[in-house]
C-alpha atoms as a PDB file:
ATOM      1  CA  MET A   1     161.680 103.615 147.771  1.00  0.00           C
ATOM      2  CA  ASP A   2     162.124 104.026 144.041  1.00  0.00           C
ATOM      3  CA  PRO A   3     165.865 104.643 143.419  1.00  0.00           C
ATOM      4  CA  VAL A   4     165.255 107.377 140.840  1.00  0.00           C
ATOM      5  CA  ILE A   5     162.959 109.269 143.218  1.00  0.00           C
ATOM      6  CA  PHE A   6     165.459 108.915 146.075  1.00  0.00           C
ATOM      7  CA  VAL A   7     168.344 110.227 143.946  1.00  0.00           C
ATOM      8  CA  ARG A   8     166.361 113.194 142.681  1.00  0.00           C
ATOM      9  CA  ARG A   9     165.093 114.143 146.142  1.00  0.00           C
ATOM     10  CA  ASN A  10     168.458 113.964 147.878  1.00  0.00           C
ATOM     11  CA  THR A  11     170.886 115.479 145.367  1.00  0.00           C
ATOM     12  CA  ALA A  12     171.597 118.649 143.449  1.00  0.00           C
ATOM     13  CA  VAL A  13     173.304 119.080 140.088  1.00  0.00           C
ATOM     14  CA  GLU A  14     176.948 120.075 140.527  1.00  0.00           C
ATOM     15  CA  ALA A  15     180.250 119.835 138.647  1.00  0.00           C
ATOM     16  CA  PRO A  16     183.074 118.013 140.473  1.00  0.00           C
ATOM     17  CA  PRO A  17     185.933 120.444 141.264  1.00  0.00           C
ATOM     18  CA  LEU A  18     188.534 118.669 139.126  1.00  0.00           C
ATOM     19  CA  VAL A  19     186.137 117.820 136.287  1.00  0.00           C
ATOM     20  CA  PRO A  20     184.060 120.916 135.467  1.00  0.00           C
ATOM     21  CA  GLU A  21     183.193 119.504 132.038  1.00  0.00           C
ATOM     22  CA  LEU A  22     180.727 117.076 133.606  1.00  0.00           C
ATOM     23  CA  GLN A  23     177.708 117.527 135.861  1.00  0.00           C
ATOM     24  CA  LEU A  24     176.528 115.024 138.435  1.00  0.00           C
ATOM     25  CA  ARG A  25     173.686 114.593 140.872  1.00  0.00           C
ATOM     26  CA  LEU A  26     175.585 114.861 144.161  1.00  0.00           C
ATOM     27  CA  ALA A  27     174.804 115.320 147.823  1.00  0.00           C
ATOM     28  CA  THR A  28     175.131 118.972 148.781  1.00  0.00           C
ATOM     29  CA  GLU A  29     175.596 118.131 152.467  1.00  0.00           C
ATOM     30  CA  VAL A  30     176.878 114.891 153.898  1.00  0.00           C
ATOM     31  CA  THR A  31     174.635 114.525 156.923  1.00  0.00           C
ATOM     32  CA  PRO A  32     171.156 114.854 155.352  1.00  0.00           C
ATOM     33  CA  ILE A  33     171.659 112.191 152.681  1.00  0.00           C
ATOM     34  CA  TRP A  34     173.310 109.780 155.136  1.00  0.00           C
ATOM     35  CA  GLN A  35     170.395 110.259 157.510  1.00  0.00           C
ATOM     36  CA  ALA A  36     167.926 109.697 154.677  1.00  0.00           C
ATOM     37  CA  SER A  37     169.817 106.565 153.674  1.00  0.00           C
ATOM     38  CA  GLU A  38     169.988 105.255 157.230  1.00  0.00           C
ATOM     39  CA  GLU A  39     166.265 105.733 157.688  1.00  0.00           C
ATOM     40  CA  SER A  40     165.575 103.839 154.475  1.00  0.00           C
ATOM     41  CA  LEU A  41     168.304 101.308 155.264  1.00  0.00           C
ATOM     42  CA  ALA A  42     166.535 100.484 158.492  1.00  0.00           C
ATOM     43  CA  ARG A  43     163.630  99.395 156.292  1.00  0.00           C
ATOM     44  CA  GLY A  44     165.971  97.371 154.116  1.00  0.00           C
ATOM     45  CA  ALA A  45     165.766  99.763 151.184  1.00  0.00           C
ATOM     46  CA  VAL A  46     168.944 101.798 150.730  1.00  0.00           C
ATOM     47  CA  PRO A  47     172.668 100.998 151.111  1.00  0.00           C
ATOM     48  CA  PRO A  48     175.124 103.759 152.140  1.00  0.00           C
ATOM     49  CA  PRO A  49     175.136 106.504 149.454  1.00  0.00           C
ATOM     50  CA  PHE A  50     178.767 106.331 148.328  1.00  0.00           C
ATOM     51  CA  TRP A  51     177.519 107.189 144.830  1.00  0.00           C
ATOM     52  CA  ALA A  52     176.427 110.657 145.991  1.00  0.00           C
ATOM     53  CA  PHE A  53     179.988 111.979 146.269  1.00  0.00           C
ATOM     54  CA  ALA A  54     182.729 112.601 143.689  1.00  0.00           C
ATOM     55  CA  TRP A  55     185.571 110.775 145.455  1.00  0.00           C
ATOM     56  CA  ALA A  56     189.161 111.812 144.798  1.00  0.00           C
ATOM     57  CA  GLY A  57     190.191 108.634 142.968  1.00  0.00           C
ATOM     58  CA  GLY A  58     187.309 108.917 140.517  1.00  0.00           C
ATOM     59  CA  GLN A  59     187.945 112.606 139.895  1.00  0.00           C
ATOM     60  CA  ALA A  60     191.598 111.940 139.104  1.00  0.00           C
ATOM     61  CA  LEU A  61     190.736 109.104 136.722  1.00  0.00           C
ATOM     62  CA  ALA A  62     188.099 111.195 134.963  1.00  0.00           C
ATOM     63  CA  ARG A  63     190.524 114.115 134.645  1.00  0.00           C
ATOM     64  CA  TYR A  64     193.173 111.802 133.194  1.00  0.00           C
ATOM     65  CA  LEU A  65     190.834 110.390 130.551  1.00  0.00           C
ATOM     66  CA  LEU A  66     189.660 113.835 129.490  1.00  0.00           C
ATOM     67  CA  ASP A  67     193.247 115.093 129.376  1.00  0.00           C
ATOM     68  CA  HIS A  68     194.377 112.027 127.403  1.00  0.00           C
ATOM     69  CA  PRO A  69     191.402 111.064 125.176  1.00  0.00           C
ATOM     70  CA  GLU A  70     193.651 108.900 122.993  1.00  0.00           C
ATOM     71  CA  THR A  71     193.730 106.447 125.897  1.00  0.00           C
ATOM     72  CA  VAL A  72     190.098 105.428 125.371  1.00  0.00           C
ATOM     73  CA  ALA A  73     189.092 106.784 121.957  1.00  0.00           C
ATOM     74  CA  GLY A  74     187.455 104.052 119.886  1.00  0.00           C
ATOM     75  CA  ARG A  75     187.919 101.425 122.609  1.00  0.00           C
ATOM     76  CA  THR A  76     185.662  99.518 125.016  1.00  0.00           C
ATOM     77  CA  VAL A  77     185.755 100.531 128.675  1.00  0.00           C
ATOM     78  CA  LEU A  78     184.561  98.863 131.877  1.00  0.00           C
ATOM     79  CA  ASP A  79     184.275 101.210 134.853  1.00  0.00           C
ATOM     80  CA  PHE A  80     184.196  99.040 137.968  1.00  0.00           C
ATOM     81  CA  GLY A  81     182.446 100.253 141.124  1.00  0.00           C
ATOM     82  CA  SER A  82     181.230 103.178 139.079  1.00  0.00           C
ATOM     83  CA  GLY A  83     179.479 105.087 141.894  1.00  0.00           C
ATOM     84  CA  SER A  84     178.156 108.294 140.364  1.00  0.00           C
ATOM     85  CA  GLY A  85     179.358 107.205 136.923  1.00  0.00           C
ATOM     86  CA  LEU A  86     181.915 110.021 136.743  1.00  0.00           C
ATOM     87  CA  VAL A  87     184.730 107.950 135.206  1.00  0.00           C
ATOM     88  CA  ALA A  88     182.383 106.150 132.815  1.00  0.00           C
ATOM     89  CA  LEU A  89     181.002 109.482 131.654  1.00  0.00           C
ATOM     90  CA  ALA A  90     184.517 110.861 131.169  1.00  0.00           C
ATOM     91  CA  ALA A  91     185.403 107.822 129.054  1.00  0.00           C
ATOM     92  CA  ALA A  92     182.343 108.342 126.891  1.00  0.00           C
ATOM     93  CA  LYS A  93     183.083 112.051 126.521  1.00  0.00           C
ATOM     94  CA  ALA A  94     186.678 111.222 125.575  1.00  0.00           C
ATOM     95  CA  GLY A  95     185.430 109.110 122.670  1.00  0.00           C
ATOM     96  CA  ALA A  96     185.252 105.518 123.915  1.00  0.00           C
ATOM     97  CA  ARG A  97     183.406 103.258 121.504  1.00  0.00           C
ATOM     98  CA  ARG A  98     181.443 101.529 124.263  1.00  0.00           C
ATOM     99  CA  VAL A  99     181.323 102.106 128.017  1.00  0.00           C
ATOM    100  CA  LEU A 100     179.891  99.802 130.677  1.00  0.00           C
ATOM    101  CA  ALA A 101     179.442 101.183 134.197  1.00  0.00           C
ATOM    102  CA  ALA A 102     179.368  98.286 136.682  1.00  0.00           C
ATOM    103  CA  GLU A 103     177.741  99.082 140.026  1.00  0.00           C
ATOM    104  CA  ILE A 104     175.888  96.577 142.231  1.00  0.00           C
ATOM    105  CA  ASP A 105     174.070  99.329 144.176  1.00  0.00           C
ATOM    106  CA  HIS A 106     170.729  99.914 142.431  1.00  0.00           C
ATOM    107  CA  PHE A 107     170.554 103.462 143.769  1.00  0.00           C
ATOM    108  CA  ALA A 108     173.962 104.175 142.275  1.00  0.00           C
ATOM    109  CA  ALA A 109     172.806 102.647 138.991  1.00  0.00           C
ATOM    110  CA  ALA A 110     169.857 105.035 138.999  1.00  0.00           C
ATOM    111  CA  ALA A 111     172.216 107.953 139.644  1.00  0.00           C
ATOM    112  CA  ILE A 112     174.488 106.866 136.790  1.00  0.00           C
ATOM    113  CA  ALA A 113     171.565 106.701 134.374  1.00  0.00           C
ATOM    114  CA  LEU A 114     170.360 110.148 135.453  1.00  0.00           C
ATOM    115  CA  ASN A 115     173.868 111.557 135.127  1.00  0.00           C
ATOM    116  CA  ALA A 116     174.254 110.114 131.636  1.00  0.00           C
ATOM    117  CA  VAL A 117     171.068 111.873 130.530  1.00  0.00           C
ATOM    118  CA  LEU A 118     172.204 115.051 132.248  1.00  0.00           C
ATOM    119  CA  ASN A 119     175.430 115.067 130.243  1.00  0.00           C
ATOM    120  CA  ARG A 120     173.884 113.768 127.016  1.00  0.00           C
ATOM    121  CA  LEU A 121     176.253 110.815 126.953  1.00  0.00           C
ATOM    122  CA  LYS A 122     175.516 107.196 126.167  1.00  0.00           C
ATOM    123  CA  ILE A 123     176.773 104.524 128.538  1.00  0.00           C
ATOM    124  CA  ALA A 124     175.463 101.109 129.562  1.00  0.00           C
ATOM    125  CA  VAL A 125     174.884 100.270 133.225  1.00  0.00           C
ATOM    126  CA  THR A 126     174.895  96.865 134.891  1.00  0.00           C
ATOM    127  CA  THR A 127     174.110  95.905 138.481  1.00  0.00           C
ATOM    128  CA  ALA A 128     175.566  92.423 137.957  1.00  0.00           C
ATOM    129  CA  ASP A 129     178.637  91.568 140.034  1.00  0.00           C
ATOM    130  CA  VAL A 130     181.444  91.496 137.462  1.00  0.00           C
ATOM    131  CA  LEU A 131     184.208  90.970 140.029  1.00  0.00           C
ATOM    132  CA  GLY A 132     186.124  87.871 138.963  1.00  0.00           C
ATOM    133  CA  ILE A 133     184.919  87.856 135.362  1.00  0.00           C
ATOM    134  CA  VAL A 134     187.856  87.968 132.952  1.00  0.00           C
ATOM    135  CA  ASN A 135     186.297  89.309 129.772  1.00  0.00           C
ATOM    136  CA  THR A 136     188.704  89.903 126.894  1.00  0.00           C
ATOM    137  CA  ASP A 137     186.154  92.210 125.227  1.00  0.00           C
ATOM    138  CA  TRP A 138     187.150  94.989 127.642  1.00  0.00           C
ATOM    139  CA  ASP A 139     190.049  97.020 126.266  1.00  0.00           C
ATOM    140  CA  ILE A 140     190.314  99.253 129.325  1.00  0.00           C
ATOM    141  CA  ILE A 141     189.221  98.763 132.930  1.00  0.00           C
ATOM    142  CA  THR A 142     189.001 101.695 135.321  1.00  0.00           C
ATOM    143  CA  ALA A 143     188.508 101.631 139.081  1.00  0.00           C
ATOM    144  CA  GLY A 144     188.529 104.573 141.473  1.00  0.00           C
ATOM    145  CA  ASP A 145     188.931 104.429 145.253  1.00  0.00           C
ATOM    146  CA  VAL A 146     188.619 100.661 145.678  1.00  0.00           C
ATOM    147  CA  CYS A 147     191.474 100.086 148.152  1.00  0.00           C
ATOM    148  CA  TYR A 148     189.912 101.388 151.357  1.00  0.00           C
ATOM    149  CA  GLU A 149     189.070  97.952 152.863  1.00  0.00           C
ATOM    150  CA  ARG A 150     191.539  95.063 153.039  1.00  0.00           C
ATOM    151  CA  GLU A 151     189.451  92.113 151.824  1.00  0.00           C
ATOM    152  CA  MET A 152     187.854  94.079 149.006  1.00  0.00           C
ATOM    153  CA  ALA A 153     191.192  95.540 147.920  1.00  0.00           C
ATOM    154  CA  GLU A 154     192.810  92.109 147.777  1.00  0.00           C
ATOM    155  CA  GLN A 155     189.978  90.645 145.704  1.00  0.00           C
ATOM    156  CA  VAL A 156     189.870  93.576 143.313  1.00  0.00           C
ATOM    157  CA  THR A 157     193.660  93.707 142.927  1.00  0.00           C
ATOM    158  CA  SER A 158     193.878  90.019 142.054  1.00  0.00           C
ATOM    159  CA  TRP A 159     191.092  90.384 139.499  1.00  0.00           C
ATOM    160  CA  LEU A 160     192.515  93.542 137.937  1.00  0.00           C
ATOM    161  CA  ARG A 161     195.914  91.880 137.564  1.00  0.00           C
ATOM    162  CA  ALA A 162     194.244  88.971 135.765  1.00  0.00           C
ATOM    163  CA  LEU A 163     192.558  91.420 133.404  1.00  0.00           C
ATOM    164  CA  ALA A 164     195.871  93.187 132.805  1.00  0.00           C
ATOM    165  CA  GLY A 165     197.266  89.777 131.908  1.00  0.00           C
ATOM    166  CA  THR A 166     194.843  89.562 128.971  1.00  0.00           C
ATOM    167  CA  GLY A 167     196.378  92.695 127.473  1.00  0.00           C
ATOM    168  CA  ALA A 168     193.789  95.135 128.813  1.00  0.00           C
ATOM    169  CA  LEU A 169     194.882  98.503 130.137  1.00  0.00           C
ATOM    170  CA  VAL A 170     193.923  98.692 133.819  1.00  0.00           C
ATOM    171  CA  LEU A 171     193.838 102.137 135.417  1.00  0.00           C
ATOM    172  CA  LEU A 172     193.404 102.690 139.140  1.00  0.00           C
ATOM    173  CA  GLY A 173     192.699 106.075 140.755  1.00  0.00           C
ATOM    174  CA  ASP A 174     193.832 106.217 144.376  1.00  0.00           C
ATOM    175  CA  PRO A 175     194.353 109.050 146.904  1.00  0.00           C
ATOM    176  CA  GLY A 176     196.584 107.042 149.231  1.00  0.00           C
ATOM    177  CA  ARG A 177     194.118 104.524 150.615  1.00  0.00           C
ATOM    178  CA  ALA A 178     195.465 102.093 153.207  1.00  0.00           C
ATOM    179  CA  TYR A 179     195.290  98.938 151.097  1.00  0.00           C
ATOM    180  CA  LEU A 180     196.715 100.132 147.791  1.00  0.00           C
ATOM    181  CA  PRO A 181     199.126  97.415 146.548  1.00  0.00           C
ATOM    182  CA  ALA A 182     202.773  98.149 147.324  1.00  0.00           C
ATOM    183  CA  THR A 183     204.078  96.716 144.036  1.00  0.00           C
ATOM    184  CA  GLY A 184     203.058  96.143 140.449  1.00  0.00           C
ATOM    185  CA  LEU A 185     201.960  99.704 139.712  1.00  0.00           C
ATOM    186  CA  VAL A 186     203.196 102.305 137.241  1.00  0.00           C
ATOM    187  CA  LYS A 187     202.336 105.958 137.799  1.00  0.00           C
ATOM    188  CA  ARG A 188     200.485 107.606 134.904  1.00  0.00           C
ATOM    189  CA  ALA A 189     199.574 110.970 136.468  1.00  0.00           C
ATOM    190  CA  ARG A 190     199.271 112.825 139.749  1.00  0.00           C
ATOM    191  CA  TYR A 191     196.600 115.384 140.700  1.00  0.00           C
ATOM    192  CA  ARG A 192     195.760 117.520 143.694  1.00  0.00           C
ATOM    193  CA  VAL A 193     192.019 116.934 144.132  1.00  0.00           C
ATOM    194  CA  PRO A 194     189.876 119.346 146.177  1.00  0.00           C
ATOM    195  CA  THR A 195     187.917 117.417 148.807  1.00  0.00           C
ATOM    196  CA  SER A 196     185.372 117.985 151.542  1.00  0.00           C
ATOM    197  CA  ARG A 197     186.557 117.904 155.155  1.00  0.00           C
ATOM    198  CA  GLU A 198     183.370 116.058 156.012  1.00  0.00           C
ATOM    199  CA  LEU A 199     184.515 113.200 153.777  1.00  0.00           C
ATOM    200  CA  GLU A 200     188.305 113.256 153.904  1.00  0.00           C
ATOM    201  CA  ASP A 201     189.201 115.455 156.911  1.00  0.00           C
ATOM    202  CA  CYS A 202     191.315 117.646 154.598  1.00  0.00           C
ATOM    203  CA  ASP A 203     190.815 120.266 151.917  1.00  0.00           C
ATOM    204  CA  SER A 204     192.563 118.290 149.174  1.00  0.00           C
ATOM    205  CA  ARG A 205     194.216 114.959 148.532  1.00  0.00           C
ATOM    206  CA  GLU A 206     197.148 114.124 146.304  1.00  0.00           C
ATOM    207  CA  THR A 207     195.754 111.436 144.033  1.00  0.00           C
ATOM    208  CA  VAL A 208     197.572 109.186 141.587  1.00  0.00           C
ATOM    209  CA  VAL A 209     196.368 107.437 138.452  1.00  0.00           C
ATOM    210  CA  TRP A 210     198.153 104.096 138.386  1.00  0.00           C
ATOM    211  CA  GLN A 211     198.468 101.501 135.655  1.00  0.00           C
ATOM    212  CA  MET A 212     198.214  98.040 137.153  1.00  0.00           C
ATOM    213  CA  LEU A 213     200.578  95.358 135.846  1.00  0.00           C
ATOM    214  CA  PRO A 214     199.786  91.655 135.357  1.00  0.00           C
ATOM    215  CA  ALA A 215     200.520  89.335 138.258  1.00  0.00           C
ATOM    216  CA  LEU A 216     203.303  87.392 136.545  1.00  0.00           C
ATOM    217  CA  THR A 217     205.284  90.494 135.595  1.00  0.00           C
ATOM    218  CA  ALA A 218     204.390  92.668 138.566  1.00  0.00           C
ATOM    219  CA  ARG A 219     207.349  94.563 139.979  1.00  0.00           C
ATOM    220  CA  ASP A 220     207.698  97.652 142.065  1.00  0.00           C
ATOM    221  CA  GLU A 221     207.798 100.536 139.562  1.00  0.00           C
ATOM    222  CA  ARG A 222     206.371 103.303 141.696  1.00  0.00           C
ATOM    223  CA  LEU A 223     207.882 106.712 141.047  1.00  0.00           C
END
């Protein structure tokens, strides 16, 4: 199925609770879009629709960038595992000079492009796997909700620390996922993010925006 058609058919335009300044194409109910994805997945067409939800880590990161536009204004931003594109869009709205949303899921990439048009913001989208690439052209790297699976979290953490070692500012939004690193993080902000019980089994999650430190200087600075 064409990704753009799938996104349009299975989403509605909504503003995330913590980021009312932006609108996204999101799933209005969890079950229908997962069923639609599973049916298409059985035909080898659609991966799970993580992009169809505004996860807590991404909402916190987006809120932080909009509250602190000086963080990204005039700078280049890579949003890793961009999902719906929420954080990338927030960076663009906050005045980033250039924003690249990296998302290997082609359906997510379609959603990001649609969301950029919806918000009249300009961002670039890539479906290339950037994990492991240490590009010194990126001033800021953002990543929301990437520590929910051990192997992935370890790979991403190692890579993000390498990027921090180049002088880039690395920001991680996390609502207490199981595999968040125990050390080498500095708290930037804390938010209470409204969530869906169908996704998180709670009405809200306390979510922190962390700055990740380079590997060689990493020390436990959690507050």
